[in-house]
Amino acid sequence: MKLIGTILAGATLAFAPAALAQTTQSSPAPATPDASAQTTPAAPQANGPVTDAEVDQFATAALEVEKIRKDTATPEADKGAKMAAAATGAGLTAERFNAIGQAMQNDPTLNKRIQMAASAKLAASGGAPAAKQP
């Protein structure tokens, strides 16, 4: 289960700069980076609680993002767009993906929900067995 958490955290952190680069191309950067950093943790709350469907979508996207991140055949310059496409393909915007990723770092319950969803997806695809809960 720790491996799933590590993969999800890595996928989220790897995706965050790429997704932000995708969104900043269409909107100007905030004038004060410190102000945006302070409001970022509140973003998931502003968008509402994370639904079961979003947990599933996030797990799907995070696992795909991790594959893209590890793909040595894909040039680094192309990975950001592919990661953003993985999030939107799973049904999340890049902003929502990042908001959920940040929220899971501060919310152990959400983190566990996402880990369980990702573990189930890996087990279903033959990647790794789902961890049994005590």
Protein backbone atom coordinates (compact mmCIF):
# COMPACT_ATOMS: atom_id res chain seq x y z
CA MET A 1 0.00 0.00 0.00
CA LYS A 2 2.95 2.31 0.64
CA LEU A 3 4.09 1.76 -2.94
CA ILE A 4 0.72 2.94 -4.24
CA GLY A 5 0.99 6.07 -2.08
CA THR A 6 4.48 6.74 -3.37
CA ILE A 7 3.35 6.29 -6.97
CA LEU A 8 0.36 8.59 -6.49
CA ALA A 9 2.40 11.24 -4.74
CA GLY A 10 5.05 11.07 -7.45
CA ALA A 11 2.47 11.25 -10.18
CA THR A 12 0.82 14.24 -8.58
CA LEU A 13 4.09 16.08 -8.04
CA ALA A 14 5.30 15.23 -11.53
CA PHE A 15 2.04 16.39 -13.04
CA ALA A 16 1.61 19.62 -11.10
CA PRO A 17 4.24 21.66 -12.99
CA ALA A 18 3.05 20.33 -16.33
CA ALA A 19 -0.58 21.07 -15.61
CA LEU A 20 0.22 24.51 -14.31
CA ALA A 21 2.24 25.19 -17.45
CA GLN A 22 -0.76 24.13 -19.53
CA THR A 23 -3.10 26.46 -17.64
CA THR A 24 -0.78 29.44 -17.49
CA GLN A 25 -0.47 29.48 -21.24
CA SER A 26 -4.11 30.53 -21.43
CA SER A 27 -4.16 32.83 -18.39
CA PRO A 28 -1.69 35.36 -17.00
CA ALA A 29 0.39 34.40 -13.98
CA PRO A 30 -0.73 35.79 -10.62
CA ALA A 31 1.00 39.01 -9.63
CA THR A 32 1.98 37.67 -6.21
CA PRO A 33 3.12 34.04 -6.13
CA ASP A 34 3.01 34.04 -2.32
CA ALA A 35 -0.71 34.85 -2.37
CA SER A 36 -1.46 31.98 -4.74
CA ALA A 37 0.62 29.57 -2.64
CA GLN A 38 -1.42 30.50 0.43
CA THR A 39 -4.74 29.92 -1.29
CA THR A 40 -3.74 26.69 -3.04
CA PRO A 41 -4.46 24.32 -0.09
CA ALA A 42 -7.97 25.78 0.11
CA ALA A 43 -8.62 25.06 -3.56
CA PRO A 44 -10.12 21.57 -3.02
CA GLN A 45 -12.52 22.99 -0.44
CA ALA A 46 -13.47 25.83 -2.78
CA ASN A 47 -14.29 23.27 -5.44
CA GLY A 48 -16.23 21.17 -2.95
CA PRO A 49 -15.53 17.82 -1.39
CA VAL A 50 -13.92 15.10 -3.44
CA THR A 51 -16.62 12.72 -4.66
CA ASP A 52 -16.23 8.96 -5.08
CA ALA A 53 -16.30 9.49 -8.84
CA GLU A 54 -13.45 12.00 -8.59
CA VAL A 55 -11.45 9.59 -6.42
CA ASP A 56 -11.83 6.98 -9.16
CA GLN A 57 -10.96 9.51 -11.88
CA PHE A 58 -7.95 10.74 -9.93
CA ALA A 59 -6.65 7.20 -9.37
CA THR A 60 -7.03 6.44 -13.08
CA ALA A 61 -5.26 9.65 -14.10
CA ALA A 62 -2.50 9.32 -11.50
CA LEU A 63 -1.63 5.80 -12.61
CA GLU A 64 -1.52 6.93 -16.23
CA VAL A 65 0.57 9.98 -15.31
CA GLU A 66 3.03 7.71 -13.52
CA LYS A 67 3.38 5.59 -16.68
CA ILE A 68 4.02 8.72 -18.74
CA ARG A 69 6.54 10.02 -16.20
CA LYS A 70 8.50 6.75 -16.34
CA ASP A 71 8.30 6.41 -20.15
CA THR A 72 11.83 6.95 -21.39
CA ALA A 73 10.71 6.84 -25.04
CA THR A 74 8.64 10.02 -24.65
CA PRO A 75 10.64 13.25 -24.80
CA GLU A 76 10.41 15.34 -21.61
CA ALA A 77 8.99 18.24 -23.63
CA ASP A 78 5.99 16.10 -24.64
CA LYS A 79 5.22 14.65 -21.22
CA GLY A 80 3.37 17.70 -19.88
CA ALA A 81 0.77 17.63 -22.63
CA LYS A 82 0.35 13.85 -22.28
CA MET A 83 -0.09 14.18 -18.51
CA ALA A 84 -2.71 16.88 -18.95
CA ALA A 85 -4.46 14.67 -21.51
CA ALA A 86 -4.42 11.78 -19.02
CA ALA A 87 -6.22 13.94 -16.45
CA THR A 88 -8.81 15.20 -18.90
CA GLY A 89 -9.19 11.70 -20.37
CA ALA A 90 -10.06 10.48 -16.88
CA GLY A 91 -12.65 13.24 -16.56
CA LEU A 92 -10.77 15.83 -14.47
CA THR A 93 -9.42 19.23 -15.37
CA ALA A 94 -5.72 19.78 -14.70
CA GLU A 95 -6.67 22.24 -11.96
CA ARG A 96 -8.98 19.74 -10.23
CA PHE A 97 -6.38 16.98 -10.54
CA ASN A 98 -3.83 19.22 -8.81
CA ALA A 99 -6.32 20.32 -6.17
CA ILE A 100 -7.16 16.70 -5.31
CA GLY A 101 -3.45 15.82 -5.28
CA GLN A 102 -2.76 18.61 -2.82
CA ALA A 103 -5.78 17.72 -0.70
CA MET A 104 -4.71 14.08 -0.44
CA GLN A 105 -1.38 15.18 1.04
CA ASN A 106 -3.20 16.91 3.90
CA ASP A 107 -6.19 14.57 4.30
CA PRO A 108 -5.35 11.01 5.43
CA THR A 109 -8.90 9.81 4.76
CA LEU A 110 -8.85 11.08 1.17
CA ASN A 111 -5.35 9.67 0.72
CA LYS A 112 -6.56 6.23 1.83
CA ARG A 113 -9.60 6.40 -0.49
CA ILE A 114 -7.38 7.22 -3.46
CA GLN A 115 -4.84 4.54 -2.55
CA MET A 116 -7.59 1.93 -2.31
CA ALA A 117 -9.01 2.97 -5.68
CA ALA A 118 -5.57 2.89 -7.32
CA SER A 119 -4.77 -0.48 -5.73
CA ALA A 120 -8.03 -1.92 -7.03
CA LYS A 121 -7.28 -0.59 -10.53
CA LEU A 122 -3.80 -2.10 -10.47
CA ALA A 123 -5.16 -5.44 -9.30
CA ALA A 124 -7.84 -5.40 -12.00
CA SER A 125 -5.22 -4.72 -14.66
CA GLY A 126 -2.87 -7.36 -13.32
CA GLY A 127 -0.35 -4.75 -12.10
CA ALA A 128 -0.24 -5.64 -8.41
CA PRO A 129 -2.61 -7.33 -6.01
CA ALA A 130 -4.95 -5.16 -3.99
CA ALA A 131 -3.80 -4.79 -0.41
CA LYS A 132 -6.03 -6.50 2.11
CA GLN A 133 -7.39 -4.30 4.86
CA PRO A 134 -7.10 -5.58 8.46
